Every structure is written in C-alpha cells, then in structure tokens.
Amino acid sequence: MAILADIAILEVALRNAMHGALDWQWGPFWYQTAPSQTFDQRSRDSITSAWNKIPKGRRSHVNDPALPGRLVANCMFGFWANLLDEGGPITKGGRKKADYDALWLVLRRAFKGGRAEAKTSGAKYRRVWVHSVVKEVNDLRNRVAHHEPVINGYPLSGQNRRRAVRQGHEACLKLARMLDSNLAAWIAANSTVPAILSNRPTSMPVDTTRCLMSPHLVAAGYPDF
C-alpha cells in the first residue's frame, strides 16, 4: 500500500532521531548505560527482544560500535511510541513506575520542529501531544501492515473512534514536520497517497447474493469480504 511506503520512511526517521537524543544523553549504548529505572518493563522487554534478534556472533563483541545501530533497527515502531507514553511499572507486577515525563526531557530533542508544529495545531508542546501524533501513525501502520481494510478508516487503539485514511496521512506529514522539515517536504512531494485518495471511487456495484450471505456490510456500498 502506498501509505505504508511513507510510514516506512517515517519509521526510520523517528527511530534515528530518538536514538540520537538518547545517544546525546547516555551515549550510543544508552540501553545499557541509562539509569536502571529509566525504562519501564514493557520497554526493557522490547529492548531484550531486539537484542536477541542480533546474531550471537555479533552480540559477543559487546564494544562493537555497530551494535547500537543493529539494536535500534530491530526495535519496532511501537517501542518508540511507547517511550513517549506515560510509563509503566519498572518491574513486572511492581508498583513503582518509570518517569517518562523525565525521559521526555531527553527525547524532546528528537523533534526539532515539534514546538512549531504544536503551535500551528493549537496544542502545547508536551509529551502527551507528541505521543498522540506518533501513536496515530503507529495505529495506521499496524493496520496496513497486516493488510486490513482501511476504506472506511481505521480505529485508534484504546479509543472509541476512527480516523479516515486522509487524516492518517495528514498525521504522517505532521510527524515528518516535527522531525525534519526537509523530510516533510520530500514526502509531500513524492507521496502517491493524495493522488490515490483523490481518485477513490465513491460507489461500486454490489453483488447482493454475496452480501446477503455476509454480516459484514460497510458504508458506501462496499462489502467487507
């Protein structure tokens, strides 16, 4: 899907920017050198999973300067989104939570255009707002990556509302502007999503014999098969 191509570029830009901010604070091996209570259990589990995906032969060279890049490349979009969340328990079943508002003071360096974009959006440049933008793009990414239909929009996880694909693409461009103005300009100039959306059919013939057999009817006459 065309929009997945845009999100793939955004994902690399996001992880590189956030890795750069963490590197600035704690060095390239931030996942080892940051204070033990920096990350919650969910994030540390994701780091462990990403680490285990690196071939054992590579992991054995613990001081290899290429190791951080390999680990960062293995961290999923959701991991970076979760670092902007409010932070969960530091240990499984524990009561003490990681302070992700403190972590935000480090990560905000990743969003060079964040303050200006927040002002344009009429929002305050805070962790919660940045997380909402990143999470919206991640929700769309998960939807299209699993080849699920988006013709009638896509749900936002944890919320009882849906977003249209056009809104999701606008969120992608917003995140791009927050990260890098040149990146945003390139995506806007090269994305095929607007053209596809502008040519989206408004109606199509419906095979009523099949529709009668299916409980999944969607708006605008599109059967959900």
Protein backbone atom coordinates (compact mmCIF):
# COMPACT_ATOMS: atom_id res chain seq x y z
CA MET A 1 0.00 0.00 0.00
CA ALA A 2 1.21 3.47 -0.92
CA ILE A 3 0.81 4.89 2.57
CA LEU A 4 3.00 2.13 4.01
CA ALA A 5 5.89 3.40 1.90
CA ASP A 6 5.57 6.83 3.54
CA ILE A 7 5.32 5.30 7.01
CA ALA A 8 8.39 3.11 6.41
CA ILE A 9 10.45 6.25 5.76
CA LEU A 10 8.94 7.93 8.81
CA GLU A 11 9.72 4.92 10.99
CA VAL A 12 13.41 5.08 10.12
CA ALA A 13 13.49 8.84 10.67
CA LEU A 14 11.72 8.54 14.03
CA ARG A 15 13.96 5.82 15.42
CA ASN A 16 17.12 7.59 14.23
CA ALA A 17 16.02 10.87 15.81
CA MET A 18 15.05 9.28 19.13
CA HIS A 19 18.20 7.16 19.16
CA GLY A 20 20.19 10.35 18.57
CA ALA A 21 18.54 12.03 21.56
CA LEU A 22 19.23 9.04 23.82
CA ASP A 23 22.80 8.86 22.50
CA TRP A 24 23.30 12.55 23.32
CA GLN A 25 22.29 11.91 26.93
CA TRP A 26 23.79 8.49 27.66
CA GLY A 27 25.99 7.57 24.71
CA PRO A 28 25.37 5.11 21.86
CA PHE A 29 24.93 2.21 24.30
CA TRP A 30 22.10 4.07 26.10
CA TYR A 31 20.13 0.84 26.53
CA GLN A 32 22.91 -0.30 28.88
CA THR A 33 24.22 2.96 30.32
CA ALA A 34 20.96 4.77 31.16
CA PRO A 35 19.95 4.55 34.85
CA SER A 36 18.22 1.26 35.63
CA GLN A 37 14.88 2.94 36.36
CA THR A 38 14.78 4.92 33.12
CA PHE A 39 12.69 2.42 31.17
CA ASP A 40 9.58 0.52 32.21
CA GLN A 41 9.28 -3.26 31.99
CA ARG A 42 7.46 -3.11 28.64
CA SER A 43 10.25 -1.07 27.06
CA ARG A 44 13.01 -3.23 28.55
CA ASP A 45 11.28 -6.36 27.23
CA SER A 46 11.26 -4.77 23.77
CA ILE A 47 14.96 -3.95 24.07
CA THR A 48 15.70 -7.54 25.10
CA SER A 49 13.70 -8.86 22.14
CA ALA A 50 15.57 -6.56 19.75
CA TRP A 51 18.89 -7.62 21.28
CA ASN A 52 18.09 -11.31 20.87
CA LYS A 53 17.46 -10.78 17.16
CA ILE A 54 21.09 -9.81 16.68
CA PRO A 55 23.19 -12.86 15.70
CA LYS A 56 25.07 -14.31 18.66
CA GLY A 57 28.39 -13.80 16.93
CA ARG A 58 27.69 -10.08 16.70
CA ARG A 59 26.40 -9.81 20.27
CA SER A 60 29.61 -11.32 21.64
CA HIS A 61 31.54 -8.22 20.53
CA VAL A 62 30.00 -6.06 23.23
CA ASN A 63 32.04 -2.97 22.37
CA ASP A 64 31.39 -3.16 18.64
CA PRO A 65 30.31 0.39 17.62
CA ALA A 66 27.89 -1.15 15.10
CA LEU A 67 25.88 -2.92 17.83
CA PRO A 68 23.68 0.05 18.82
CA GLY A 69 22.63 0.54 15.21
CA ARG A 70 21.71 -3.12 14.89
CA LEU A 71 19.62 -2.99 18.04
CA VAL A 72 17.88 0.23 17.03
CA ALA A 73 16.99 -1.27 13.65
CA ASN A 74 15.35 -4.22 15.44
CA CYS A 75 13.16 -2.03 17.66
CA MET A 76 9.61 -1.81 16.33
CA PHE A 77 7.68 1.40 15.74
CA GLY A 78 5.59 0.62 18.83
CA PHE A 79 8.69 0.65 21.04
CA TRP A 80 9.49 4.24 20.13
CA ALA A 81 5.84 5.25 20.54
CA ASN A 82 5.76 3.64 23.97
CA LEU A 83 8.77 5.69 25.11
CA LEU A 84 6.53 8.72 24.71
CA ASP A 85 3.71 7.19 26.74
CA GLU A 86 3.24 7.87 30.45
CA GLY A 87 5.47 4.98 31.55
CA GLY A 88 4.51 1.73 33.23
CA PRO A 89 5.84 -0.38 36.10
CA ILE A 90 9.62 -0.71 36.22
CA THR A 91 9.31 -4.38 37.19
CA LYS A 92 6.62 -6.92 36.40
CA GLY A 93 3.88 -6.56 38.98
CA GLY A 94 5.74 -3.72 40.68
CA ARG A 95 4.13 -0.52 41.89
CA LYS A 96 6.88 1.94 41.06
CA LYS A 97 6.59 3.36 37.56
CA ALA A 98 9.19 4.72 35.21
CA ASP A 99 9.08 8.51 34.96
CA TYR A 100 8.55 9.08 31.27
CA ASP A 101 7.99 12.79 31.83
CA ALA A 102 11.64 12.88 32.90
CA LEU A 103 12.58 10.77 29.87
CA TRP A 104 10.71 13.26 27.72
CA LEU A 105 13.22 15.94 28.70
CA VAL A 106 15.76 13.85 26.81
CA LEU A 107 13.56 12.71 23.91
CA ARG A 108 12.16 16.13 23.06
CA ARG A 109 15.46 16.86 21.32
CA ALA A 110 14.39 14.38 18.64
CA PHE A 111 11.53 16.60 17.46
CA LYS A 112 13.24 19.69 16.10
CA GLY A 113 10.05 21.02 14.55
CA GLY A 114 7.78 19.83 17.35
CA ARG A 115 7.28 23.14 19.10
CA ALA A 116 6.38 24.97 15.89
CA GLU A 117 4.03 22.19 14.80
CA ALA A 118 2.31 22.15 18.17
CA LYS A 119 1.76 25.91 17.95
CA THR A 120 0.30 25.52 14.45
CA SER A 121 -2.00 22.80 15.74
CA GLY A 122 -3.11 24.92 18.68
CA ALA A 123 -1.57 22.46 21.14
CA LYS A 124 1.06 22.68 23.84
CA TYR A 125 4.39 21.06 23.05
CA ARG A 126 4.29 18.31 25.62
CA ARG A 127 4.94 14.59 25.78
CA VAL A 128 1.24 13.72 25.71
CA TRP A 129 0.65 15.62 22.48
CA VAL A 130 3.72 14.18 20.73
CA HIS A 131 2.70 10.70 21.85
CA SER A 132 -0.78 11.17 20.37
CA VAL A 133 0.68 12.04 16.95
CA VAL A 134 3.20 9.19 16.94
CA LYS A 135 0.59 6.72 18.20
CA GLU A 136 -1.88 7.69 15.48
CA VAL A 137 0.73 6.96 12.80
CA ASN A 138 1.63 3.69 14.54
CA ASP A 139 -2.03 2.61 14.62
CA LEU A 140 -2.31 3.24 10.88
CA ARG A 141 0.97 1.42 10.27
CA ASN A 142 -0.24 -1.65 12.15
CA ARG A 143 -3.50 -1.65 10.23
CA VAL A 144 -2.00 -1.52 6.74
CA ALA A 145 1.00 -3.72 7.59
CA HIS A 146 -1.45 -6.53 8.41
CA HIS A 147 -3.37 -5.92 5.16
CA GLU A 148 -6.52 -4.93 7.00
CA PRO A 149 -9.10 -2.79 5.16
CA VAL A 150 -8.92 0.97 5.64
CA ILE A 151 -11.53 2.05 3.11
CA ASN A 152 -13.80 3.03 5.98
CA GLY A 153 -10.96 4.36 8.12
CA TYR A 154 -9.10 2.70 10.94
CA PRO A 155 -9.61 2.55 14.71
CA LEU A 156 -7.37 4.28 17.21
CA SER A 157 -6.32 1.76 19.83
CA GLY A 158 -7.79 2.41 23.24
CA GLN A 159 -10.29 4.91 21.85
CA ASN A 160 -13.83 4.58 20.64
CA ARG A 161 -13.30 6.47 17.39
CA ARG A 162 -11.95 6.01 13.91
CA ARG A 163 -9.78 8.09 11.60
CA ALA A 164 -10.05 8.41 7.85
CA VAL A 165 -7.03 7.47 5.78
CA ARG A 166 -6.70 11.09 4.69
CA GLN A 167 -6.46 12.12 8.35
CA GLY A 168 -3.89 9.40 8.93
CA HIS A 169 -1.79 10.69 6.05
CA GLU A 170 -2.04 14.21 7.47
CA ALA A 171 -0.74 12.80 10.76
CA CYS A 172 2.21 11.29 8.85
CA LEU A 173 3.05 14.66 7.34
CA LYS A 174 2.69 16.31 10.75
CA LEU A 175 5.13 13.83 12.30
CA ALA A 176 7.54 14.39 9.42
CA ARG A 177 7.46 18.16 10.02
CA MET A 178 8.08 17.54 13.72
CA LEU A 179 11.19 15.51 12.87
CA ASP A 180 12.69 17.33 9.90
CA SER A 181 11.30 19.98 7.55
CA ASN A 182 13.29 18.63 4.59
CA LEU A 183 11.92 15.13 5.20
CA ALA A 184 8.38 16.52 5.31
CA ALA A 185 8.91 18.40 2.04
CA TRP A 186 10.27 15.27 0.34
CA ILE A 187 7.38 13.07 1.47
CA ALA A 188 4.82 15.70 0.46
CA ALA A 189 6.41 15.99 -2.99
CA ASN A 190 6.83 12.26 -3.61
CA SER A 191 3.93 10.54 -1.84
CA THR A 192 1.37 8.91 -4.12
CA VAL A 193 -1.27 8.80 -1.38
CA PRO A 194 -3.05 12.11 -2.20
CA ALA A 195 -3.49 11.12 -5.85
CA ILE A 196 -4.86 7.71 -4.89
CA LEU A 197 -7.30 9.23 -2.40
CA SER A 198 -8.50 11.81 -4.91
CA ASN A 199 -9.31 9.01 -7.37
CA ARG A 200 -11.02 6.83 -4.79
CA PRO A 201 -14.35 5.53 -6.13
CA THR A 202 -17.41 6.79 -4.31
CA SER A 203 -19.56 3.79 -5.17
CA MET A 204 -19.31 0.40 -6.84
CA PRO A 205 -21.68 -2.34 -7.96
CA VAL A 206 -22.59 -4.71 -5.14
CA ASP A 207 -23.16 -8.44 -5.58
CA THR A 208 -26.28 -8.72 -3.45
CA THR A 209 -26.24 -12.50 -3.47
CA ARG A 210 -22.90 -12.42 -1.69
CA CYS A 211 -23.91 -9.56 0.58
CA LEU A 212 -26.91 -11.47 1.83
CA MET A 213 -24.55 -14.19 2.98
CA SER A 214 -22.20 -11.81 4.77
CA PRO A 215 -22.88 -9.95 8.04
CA HIS A 216 -20.08 -7.52 7.21
CA LEU A 217 -21.56 -4.67 5.21
CA VAL A 218 -19.69 -1.42 5.19
CA ALA A 219 -20.58 2.09 4.22
CA ALA A 220 -20.87 3.38 0.66
CA GLY A 221 -21.88 0.02 -0.74
CA TYR A 222 -18.62 -1.81 -0.15
CA PRO A 223 -18.95 -5.43 1.00
CA ASP A 224 -16.28 -6.42 3.51
CA PHE A 225 -15.13 -9.78 2.12
